[in-house]
Structures are given as structure tokens and as C-alpha cells.
């Protein structure tokens, strides 16, 4: 007997079983299960639980996808090396340049403030935040103080 023939016979067997269950009345199925000593209440609870789990899983598929994307992005950000200029003056110049070239950067980083009055820690923090947000994608590629 070949594997294909066995597969075909199994398919027919399962189809016949499914048809038999489909054509049987609920009372007949319950009576048969009780006659075999099965706990029909436990079976009902198990089926109900399985169906609720399937519905819950289906309803939460977008949540799971979002969590997966978040974990992936978090890992990428942790592995991404942030290369900022080494001196405070160069970092401040970079932030001022970014803010003057992109209105969105200016609004995010220094709303209602003069960039020249920010501390070096604030400048560095703002640059790191902008890199994480993707606003300064090219910052780490060729950035240096001009000391080469």
C-alpha cells in the first residue's frame, strides 16, 4: 500500500466520521457519550473554553502583532549605536542646524526656548531622542567634530 492510498483512505474515514456526527442528533451524541462513561459537563466546559480561547486569540491578534513590532523596534534601538559629536560645541551646532533645517525638529526640541541657553545634557538628550525617533537618520554615519 502506498502512502497516497493510506492518506486517501484516512481522508474518507474522517469525512465519514464527520458526516456521522453531523447527521446525529445532539441527544444521540449525549446518550452515546454518557453510555461510554464520559463526563458531558466536563466536555462542554472544555469545548467552551477552547472556543473562548480561539475568539480571544483572534480578537487580540493586532495586540500581539503590535507587541512583536514594539519588541523588535526596541531591540533595534538598543543595538543602534548613537554617535554624537564629541564636544559640547559641536553637539549644540548640530542641534541648531537640525532645528533650523527642519521645523518639526525645532518644535520637538526647543519649543519656547532659545537653543543657545540649553545645557549640554539637554542638547545631548534632545539629539539622542531625535535619533531614536528617526528624525536625524544620517547623524551617526559621518558625524565628527572636524578633528580628523
N, C-alpha and C. Protein backbone atom coordinates (compact mmCIF):
# COMPACT_ATOMS: atom_id res chain seq x y z
N UNK A 1 0.83 -1.18 0.00
CA UNK A 1 0.00 0.00 0.00
C UNK A 1 0.87 1.24 0.00
N UNK A 2 0.56 2.17 -0.82
CA UNK A 2 1.36 3.38 -0.89
C UNK A 2 0.85 4.40 0.13
N UNK A 3 1.68 5.38 0.41
CA UNK A 3 1.32 6.43 1.36
C UNK A 3 0.12 7.22 0.86
N UNK A 4 0.07 7.44 -0.44
CA UNK A 4 -1.03 8.18 -1.05
C UNK A 4 -2.35 7.45 -0.84
N UNK A 5 -2.35 6.12 -0.97
CA UNK A 5 -3.56 5.33 -0.79
C UNK A 5 -4.01 5.39 0.67
N UNK A 6 -3.04 5.31 1.60
CA UNK A 6 -3.37 5.42 3.03
C UNK A 6 -3.97 6.77 3.35
N UNK A 7 -3.40 7.80 2.78
CA UNK A 7 -3.90 9.16 3.00
C UNK A 7 -5.33 9.29 2.49
N UNK A 8 -5.60 8.72 1.33
CA UNK A 8 -6.94 8.80 0.74
C UNK A 8 -7.94 8.04 1.62
N UNK A 9 -7.54 6.88 2.12
CA UNK A 9 -8.44 6.10 2.99
C UNK A 9 -8.71 6.85 4.29
N UNK A 10 -7.66 7.49 4.86
CA UNK A 10 -7.86 8.27 6.09
C UNK A 10 -8.78 9.45 5.85
N UNK A 11 -8.59 10.10 4.71
CA UNK A 11 -9.45 11.24 4.38
C UNK A 11 -10.92 10.79 4.30
N UNK A 12 -11.16 9.65 3.65
CA UNK A 12 -12.53 9.14 3.55
C UNK A 12 -13.08 8.77 4.92
N UNK A 13 -12.24 8.13 5.75
CA UNK A 13 -12.67 7.75 7.09
C UNK A 13 -13.09 8.97 7.89
N UNK A 14 -12.24 10.02 7.88
CA UNK A 14 -12.57 11.24 8.62
C UNK A 14 -13.81 11.92 8.05
N UNK A 15 -13.97 11.91 6.75
CA UNK A 15 -15.16 12.50 6.14
C UNK A 15 -16.41 11.76 6.58
N UNK A 16 -16.33 10.43 6.61
CA UNK A 16 -17.48 9.63 7.04
C UNK A 16 -17.80 9.86 8.51
N UNK A 17 -16.73 9.96 9.36
CA UNK A 17 -16.94 10.24 10.77
C UNK A 17 -17.60 11.59 10.97
N UNK A 18 -17.10 12.59 10.26
CA UNK A 18 -17.67 13.94 10.37
C UNK A 18 -19.12 13.94 9.92
N UNK A 19 -19.41 13.22 8.86
CA UNK A 19 -20.79 13.16 8.37
C UNK A 19 -21.68 12.45 9.38
N UNK A 20 -21.16 11.41 10.00
CA UNK A 20 -21.94 10.70 11.01
C UNK A 20 -22.26 11.59 12.20
N UNK A 21 -21.29 12.34 12.65
CA UNK A 21 -21.51 13.25 13.77
C UNK A 21 -22.47 14.37 13.36
N UNK A 22 -22.30 14.86 12.15
CA UNK A 22 -23.14 15.94 11.65
C UNK A 22 -24.60 15.51 11.55
N UNK A 23 -24.83 14.26 11.14
CA UNK A 23 -26.20 13.77 10.95
C UNK A 23 -26.84 13.30 12.25
N UNK A 24 -26.04 13.06 13.28
CA UNK A 24 -26.58 12.58 14.55
C UNK A 24 -27.24 13.73 15.30
N UNK A 25 -28.27 13.40 16.05
CA UNK A 25 -28.94 14.43 16.85
C UNK A 25 -28.11 14.67 18.11
N UNK A 26 -28.21 15.87 18.68
CA UNK A 26 -27.47 16.16 19.92
C UNK A 26 -27.80 15.16 21.04
N UNK A 27 -29.05 14.73 21.10
CA UNK A 27 -29.45 13.77 22.13
C UNK A 27 -28.73 12.44 21.93
N UNK A 28 -28.60 12.00 20.67
CA UNK A 28 -27.89 10.74 20.39
C UNK A 28 -26.42 10.84 20.79
N UNK A 29 -25.80 11.96 20.49
CA UNK A 29 -24.37 12.15 20.83
C UNK A 29 -24.20 12.16 22.34
N UNK A 30 -25.08 12.87 23.06
CA UNK A 30 -25.01 12.90 24.53
C UNK A 30 -25.23 11.50 25.12
N UNK A 31 -26.21 10.79 24.61
CA UNK A 31 -26.50 9.44 25.12
C UNK A 31 -25.32 8.52 24.88
N UNK A 32 -24.68 8.62 23.73
CA UNK A 32 -23.53 7.78 23.41
C UNK A 32 -22.35 8.11 24.34
N UNK A 33 -22.12 9.39 24.57
CA UNK A 33 -21.02 9.80 25.45
C UNK A 33 -21.28 9.32 26.88
N UNK A 34 -22.50 9.46 27.35
CA UNK A 34 -22.83 9.00 28.71
C UNK A 34 -22.71 7.49 28.82
N UNK A 35 -23.12 6.79 27.77
CA UNK A 35 -23.03 5.32 27.77
C UNK A 35 -21.57 4.87 27.86
N UNK A 36 -20.66 5.68 27.32
CA UNK A 36 -19.23 5.35 27.38
C UNK A 36 -18.59 5.84 28.69
N UNK A 37 -19.39 6.46 29.56
CA UNK A 37 -18.90 6.89 30.86
C UNK A 37 -18.17 8.24 30.82
N UNK A 38 -18.38 9.01 29.80
CA UNK A 38 -17.72 10.32 29.70
C UNK A 38 -18.53 11.37 30.46
N UNK A 39 -17.82 12.33 31.02
CA UNK A 39 -18.44 13.43 31.74
C UNK A 39 -18.81 14.52 30.73
N UNK A 40 -20.08 14.57 30.37
CA UNK A 40 -20.52 15.51 29.32
C UNK A 40 -20.41 16.96 29.77
N UNK A 41 -20.56 17.22 31.05
CA UNK A 41 -20.40 18.60 31.55
C UNK A 41 -18.95 19.05 31.38
N UNK A 42 -18.02 18.16 31.68
CA UNK A 42 -16.60 18.48 31.53
C UNK A 42 -16.26 18.69 30.05
N UNK A 43 -16.83 17.87 29.19
CA UNK A 43 -16.61 18.03 27.75
C UNK A 43 -17.14 19.39 27.29
N UNK A 44 -18.33 19.75 27.76
CA UNK A 44 -18.93 21.05 27.39
C UNK A 44 -18.05 22.20 27.87
N UNK A 45 -17.55 22.11 29.11
CA UNK A 45 -16.67 23.15 29.62
C UNK A 45 -15.39 23.25 28.80
N UNK A 46 -14.83 22.12 28.43
CA UNK A 46 -13.60 22.10 27.64
C UNK A 46 -13.82 22.72 26.26
N UNK A 47 -14.93 22.37 25.61
CA UNK A 47 -15.24 22.93 24.29
C UNK A 47 -15.47 24.43 24.40
N UNK A 48 -16.23 24.83 25.41
CA UNK A 48 -16.50 26.26 25.62
C UNK A 48 -15.19 27.03 25.84
N UNK A 49 -14.31 26.48 26.66
CA UNK A 49 -13.03 27.11 26.95
C UNK A 49 -12.17 27.22 25.68
N UNK A 50 -12.16 26.16 24.89
CA UNK A 50 -11.39 26.17 23.64
C UNK A 50 -11.92 27.24 22.68
N UNK A 51 -13.24 27.32 22.57
CA UNK A 51 -13.83 28.32 21.67
C UNK A 51 -13.57 29.75 22.17
N UNK A 52 -13.68 29.96 23.49
CA UNK A 52 -13.40 31.30 24.04
C UNK A 52 -11.93 31.67 23.83
N UNK A 53 -11.03 30.71 24.01
CA UNK A 53 -9.60 30.97 23.77
C UNK A 53 -9.36 31.34 22.31
N UNK A 54 -10.04 30.66 21.40
CA UNK A 54 -9.88 30.96 19.97
C UNK A 54 -10.40 32.36 19.65
N UNK A 55 -11.54 32.73 20.21
CA UNK A 55 -12.10 34.07 19.98
C UNK A 55 -11.17 35.13 20.57
N UNK A 56 -10.70 34.89 21.80
CA UNK A 56 -9.80 35.84 22.46
C UNK A 56 -8.51 36.02 21.65
N UNK A 57 -7.98 34.92 21.19
CA UNK A 57 -6.75 34.97 20.39
C UNK A 57 -6.99 35.75 19.09
N UNK A 58 -8.13 35.51 18.46
CA UNK A 58 -8.45 36.22 17.23
C UNK A 58 -8.61 37.71 17.48
N UNK A 59 -9.30 38.06 18.57
CA UNK A 59 -9.52 39.47 18.87
C UNK A 59 -8.23 40.18 19.26
N UNK A 60 -7.26 39.45 19.79
CA UNK A 60 -6.02 40.08 20.24
C UNK A 60 -4.88 39.96 19.23
N UNK A 61 -5.18 39.55 18.01
CA UNK A 61 -4.11 39.37 17.02
C UNK A 61 -3.39 40.68 16.72
N UNK A 62 -4.12 41.80 16.67
CA UNK A 62 -3.47 43.09 16.42
C UNK A 62 -2.61 43.50 17.61
N UNK A 63 -3.08 43.20 18.81
CA UNK A 63 -2.30 43.49 20.01
C UNK A 63 -0.99 42.70 19.99
N UNK A 64 -1.07 41.42 19.65
CA UNK A 64 0.13 40.59 19.60
C UNK A 64 1.10 41.08 18.52
N UNK A 65 0.55 41.47 17.38
CA UNK A 65 1.40 41.99 16.31
C UNK A 65 2.07 43.30 16.74
N UNK A 66 1.33 44.15 17.43
CA UNK A 66 1.90 45.42 17.90
C UNK A 66 2.98 45.17 18.95
N UNK A 67 2.75 44.21 19.85
CA UNK A 67 3.78 43.88 20.85
C UNK A 67 5.04 43.34 20.19
N UNK A 68 4.85 42.50 19.18
CA UNK A 68 6.00 41.95 18.46
C UNK A 68 6.78 43.07 17.78
N UNK A 69 6.06 43.98 17.13
CA UNK A 69 6.72 45.10 16.45
C UNK A 69 7.44 46.00 17.46
N UNK A 70 6.82 46.20 18.61
CA UNK A 70 7.44 47.02 19.66
C UNK A 70 8.73 46.38 20.16
N UNK A 71 8.68 45.08 20.43
CA UNK A 71 9.89 44.39 20.90
C UNK A 71 10.99 44.44 19.85
N UNK A 72 10.61 44.26 18.60
CA UNK A 72 11.60 44.31 17.51
C UNK A 72 12.23 45.70 17.43
N UNK A 73 11.39 46.72 17.47
CA UNK A 73 11.89 48.10 17.38
C UNK A 73 12.75 48.44 18.60
N UNK A 74 12.34 47.99 19.78
CA UNK A 74 13.13 48.25 20.99
C UNK A 74 14.50 47.61 20.89
N UNK A 75 14.54 46.39 20.39
CA UNK A 75 15.82 45.70 20.22
C UNK A 75 16.69 46.44 19.20
N UNK A 76 16.08 46.90 18.12
CA UNK A 76 16.84 47.65 17.11
C UNK A 76 17.42 48.92 17.72
N UNK A 77 16.62 49.62 18.52
CA UNK A 77 17.09 50.86 19.13
C UNK A 77 18.21 50.61 20.14
N UNK A 78 18.12 49.51 20.89
CA UNK A 78 19.17 49.18 21.85
C UNK A 78 20.48 48.84 21.13
N UNK A 79 20.35 48.19 19.98
CA UNK A 79 21.54 47.79 19.24
C UNK A 79 22.11 48.91 18.38
N UNK A 80 21.30 49.93 18.14
CA UNK A 80 21.74 51.05 17.30
C UNK A 80 22.72 51.91 18.10
N UNK A 81 23.84 52.11 17.54
CA UNK A 81 24.85 52.91 18.23
C UNK A 81 24.66 54.38 17.90
N UNK A 82 24.58 55.18 18.92
CA UNK A 82 24.39 56.61 18.72
C UNK A 82 25.77 57.26 18.76
N UNK A 83 26.13 57.82 17.64
CA UNK A 83 27.41 58.52 17.54
C UNK A 83 27.15 60.01 17.45
N UNK A 84 27.40 60.69 18.53
CA UNK A 84 27.24 62.14 18.56
C UNK A 84 28.62 62.79 18.51
N UNK A 85 28.65 64.03 18.11
CA UNK A 85 29.94 64.74 18.15
C UNK A 85 30.50 64.71 19.57
N UNK A 86 31.82 64.77 19.65
CA UNK A 86 32.47 64.62 20.96
C UNK A 86 32.42 65.88 21.82
N UNK A 87 32.37 67.03 21.22
CA UNK A 87 32.39 68.26 22.02
C UNK A 87 31.00 68.86 22.17
N UNK A 88 30.82 69.57 23.26
CA UNK A 88 29.54 70.23 23.53
C UNK A 88 29.22 71.25 22.45
N UNK A 89 30.24 71.96 21.98
CA UNK A 89 30.03 72.97 20.94
C UNK A 89 29.53 72.33 19.64
N UNK A 90 30.12 71.21 19.28
CA UNK A 90 29.72 70.52 18.05
C UNK A 90 28.31 69.94 18.18
N UNK A 91 27.96 69.41 19.36
CA UNK A 91 26.61 68.88 19.58
C UNK A 91 25.58 69.99 19.49
N UNK A 92 25.89 71.15 20.12
CA UNK A 92 24.97 72.30 20.08
C UNK A 92 24.80 72.78 18.64
N UNK A 93 25.90 72.83 17.88
CA UNK A 93 25.82 73.26 16.47
C UNK A 93 24.96 72.29 15.67
N UNK A 94 25.09 71.01 15.95
CA UNK A 94 24.29 70.01 15.24
C UNK A 94 22.81 70.19 15.55
N UNK A 95 22.46 70.41 16.81
CA UNK A 95 21.07 70.60 17.18
C UNK A 95 20.51 71.88 16.56
N UNK A 96 21.29 72.96 16.59
CA UNK A 96 20.84 74.22 16.00
C UNK A 96 20.64 74.04 14.49
N UNK A 97 21.56 73.34 13.86
CA UNK A 97 21.45 73.09 12.42
C UNK A 97 20.21 72.26 12.11
N UNK A 98 19.99 71.21 12.90
CA UNK A 98 18.82 70.35 12.67
C UNK A 98 17.53 71.14 12.87
N UNK A 99 17.49 71.97 13.91
CA UNK A 99 16.29 72.75 14.19
C UNK A 99 16.04 73.81 13.11
N UNK A 100 17.10 74.37 12.57
CA UNK A 100 16.90 75.40 11.54
C UNK A 100 16.54 74.78 10.19
N UNK A 101 16.93 73.51 9.96
CA UNK A 101 16.64 72.86 8.69
C UNK A 101 15.30 72.13 8.67
N UNK A 102 14.76 71.81 9.83
CA UNK A 102 13.52 71.03 9.89
C UNK A 102 12.63 71.62 10.98
N UNK A 103 11.51 72.19 10.59
CA UNK A 103 10.59 72.82 11.54
C UNK A 103 10.10 71.83 12.57
N UNK A 104 9.89 70.57 12.18
CA UNK A 104 9.42 69.57 13.15
C UNK A 104 10.44 69.36 14.26
N UNK A 105 11.71 69.33 13.90
CA UNK A 105 12.77 69.16 14.90
C UNK A 105 12.78 70.36 15.83
N UNK A 106 12.62 71.54 15.27
CA UNK A 106 12.62 72.75 16.09
C UNK A 106 11.47 72.73 17.10
N UNK A 107 10.29 72.28 16.65
CA UNK A 107 9.14 72.23 17.55
C UNK A 107 9.32 71.19 18.64
N UNK A 108 9.91 70.06 18.30
CA UNK A 108 10.07 68.98 19.27
C UNK A 108 11.14 69.32 20.29
N UNK A 109 12.23 69.88 19.85
CA UNK A 109 13.39 70.03 20.73
C UNK A 109 13.41 71.29 21.56
N UNK A 110 12.93 72.37 21.04
CA UNK A 110 13.17 73.62 21.76
C UNK A 110 11.98 74.56 21.72
N UNK A 111 10.83 74.04 21.87
CA UNK A 111 9.65 74.88 21.83
C UNK A 111 9.71 75.88 22.98
N UNK A 112 9.54 77.13 22.66
CA UNK A 112 9.56 78.23 23.62
C UNK A 112 10.93 78.43 24.30
N UNK A 113 12.00 77.91 23.72
CA UNK A 113 13.33 78.09 24.31
C UNK A 113 14.32 78.54 23.25
N UNK A 114 15.34 79.17 23.71
CA UNK A 114 16.45 79.54 22.84
C UNK A 114 17.47 78.41 22.92
N UNK A 115 17.81 77.82 21.81
CA UNK A 115 18.73 76.67 21.81
C UNK A 115 20.08 77.00 22.42
N UNK A 116 20.47 78.25 22.37
CA UNK A 116 21.78 78.63 22.90
C UNK A 116 21.82 78.58 24.42
N UNK A 117 20.65 78.58 25.06
CA UNK A 117 20.59 78.58 26.52
C UNK A 117 20.46 77.17 27.11
N UNK A 118 20.38 76.15 26.28
CA UNK A 118 20.23 74.78 26.78
C UNK A 118 21.55 74.28 27.34
N UNK A 119 21.45 73.44 28.38
CA UNK A 119 22.66 72.82 28.93
C UNK A 119 23.14 71.74 27.95
N UNK A 120 24.40 71.34 28.09
CA UNK A 120 24.93 70.30 27.21
C UNK A 120 24.17 69.00 27.39
N UNK A 121 23.74 68.70 28.62
CA UNK A 121 22.97 67.48 28.87
C UNK A 121 21.64 67.52 28.12
N UNK A 122 20.99 68.70 28.12
CA UNK A 122 19.74 68.85 27.39
C UNK A 122 19.95 68.69 25.89
N UNK A 123 21.03 69.28 25.38
CA UNK A 123 21.35 69.17 23.95
C UNK A 123 21.57 67.71 23.58
N UNK A 124 22.40 67.01 24.38
CA UNK A 124 22.70 65.61 24.09
C UNK A 124 21.44 64.76 24.17
N UNK A 125 20.63 64.98 25.18
CA UNK A 125 19.39 64.23 25.34
C UNK A 125 18.44 64.47 24.15
N UNK A 126 18.34 65.73 23.72
CA UNK A 126 17.47 66.05 22.58
C UNK A 126 17.98 65.36 21.31
N UNK A 127 19.29 65.36 21.10
CA UNK A 127 19.85 64.70 19.92
C UNK A 127 19.59 63.19 19.96
N UNK A 128 19.76 62.58 21.12
CA UNK A 128 19.50 61.14 21.25
C UNK A 128 18.03 60.82 20.99
N UNK A 129 17.14 61.65 21.51
CA UNK A 129 15.71 61.45 21.27
C UNK A 129 15.38 61.57 19.79
N UNK A 130 15.96 62.55 19.13
CA UNK A 130 15.71 62.74 17.70
C UNK A 130 16.24 61.56 16.89
N UNK A 131 17.38 61.02 17.30
CA UNK A 131 17.92 59.85 16.60
C UNK A 131 16.97 58.67 16.77
N UNK A 132 16.49 58.43 17.99
CA UNK A 132 15.57 57.33 18.24
C UNK A 132 14.27 57.49 17.47
N UNK A 133 13.83 58.73 17.29
CA UNK A 133 12.61 58.99 16.54
C UNK A 133 12.84 58.90 15.02
N UNK A 134 14.10 58.82 14.63
CA UNK A 134 14.41 58.74 13.20
C UNK A 134 14.48 60.08 12.52
N UNK A 135 14.46 61.16 13.29
CA UNK A 135 14.47 62.50 12.69
C UNK A 135 15.86 62.87 12.18
N UNK A 136 16.88 62.22 12.70
CA UNK A 136 18.25 62.51 12.27
C UNK A 136 18.93 61.22 11.83
N UNK A 137 18.38 60.59 10.83
CA UNK A 137 18.87 59.28 10.38
C UNK A 137 20.35 59.26 10.02
N UNK A 138 20.86 60.33 9.46
CA UNK A 138 22.24 60.33 8.97
C UNK A 138 23.24 60.76 10.03
N UNK A 139 22.80 61.00 11.24
CA UNK A 139 23.68 61.59 12.23
C UNK A 139 24.89 60.72 12.57
N UNK A 140 24.69 59.42 12.68
CA UNK A 140 25.78 58.55 13.10
C UNK A 140 26.72 58.14 12.00
N UNK A 141 26.39 58.44 10.77
CA UNK A 141 27.19 57.93 9.66
C UNK A 141 28.49 58.66 9.47
N UNK A 142 28.43 59.97 9.37
CA UNK A 142 29.64 60.73 9.06
C UNK A 142 29.92 61.80 10.09
N UNK A 143 29.37 61.67 11.28
CA UNK A 143 29.48 62.73 12.26
C UNK A 143 30.82 62.71 12.98
N UNK A 144 31.44 63.87 13.05
CA UNK A 144 32.63 64.05 13.88
C UNK A 144 32.77 65.52 14.21
N UNK A 145 33.75 65.89 14.98
CA UNK A 145 33.95 67.27 15.39
C UNK A 145 34.73 68.07 14.36
N UNK A 146 35.18 67.43 13.34
CA UNK A 146 36.06 68.09 12.40
C UNK A 146 37.49 67.98 12.86
N UNK A 147 37.77 67.07 13.80
CA UNK A 147 39.10 66.91 14.35
C UNK A 147 39.91 65.85 13.62
N UNK A 148 39.46 65.37 12.50
CA UNK A 148 40.22 64.35 11.80
C UNK A 148 41.23 64.94 10.86
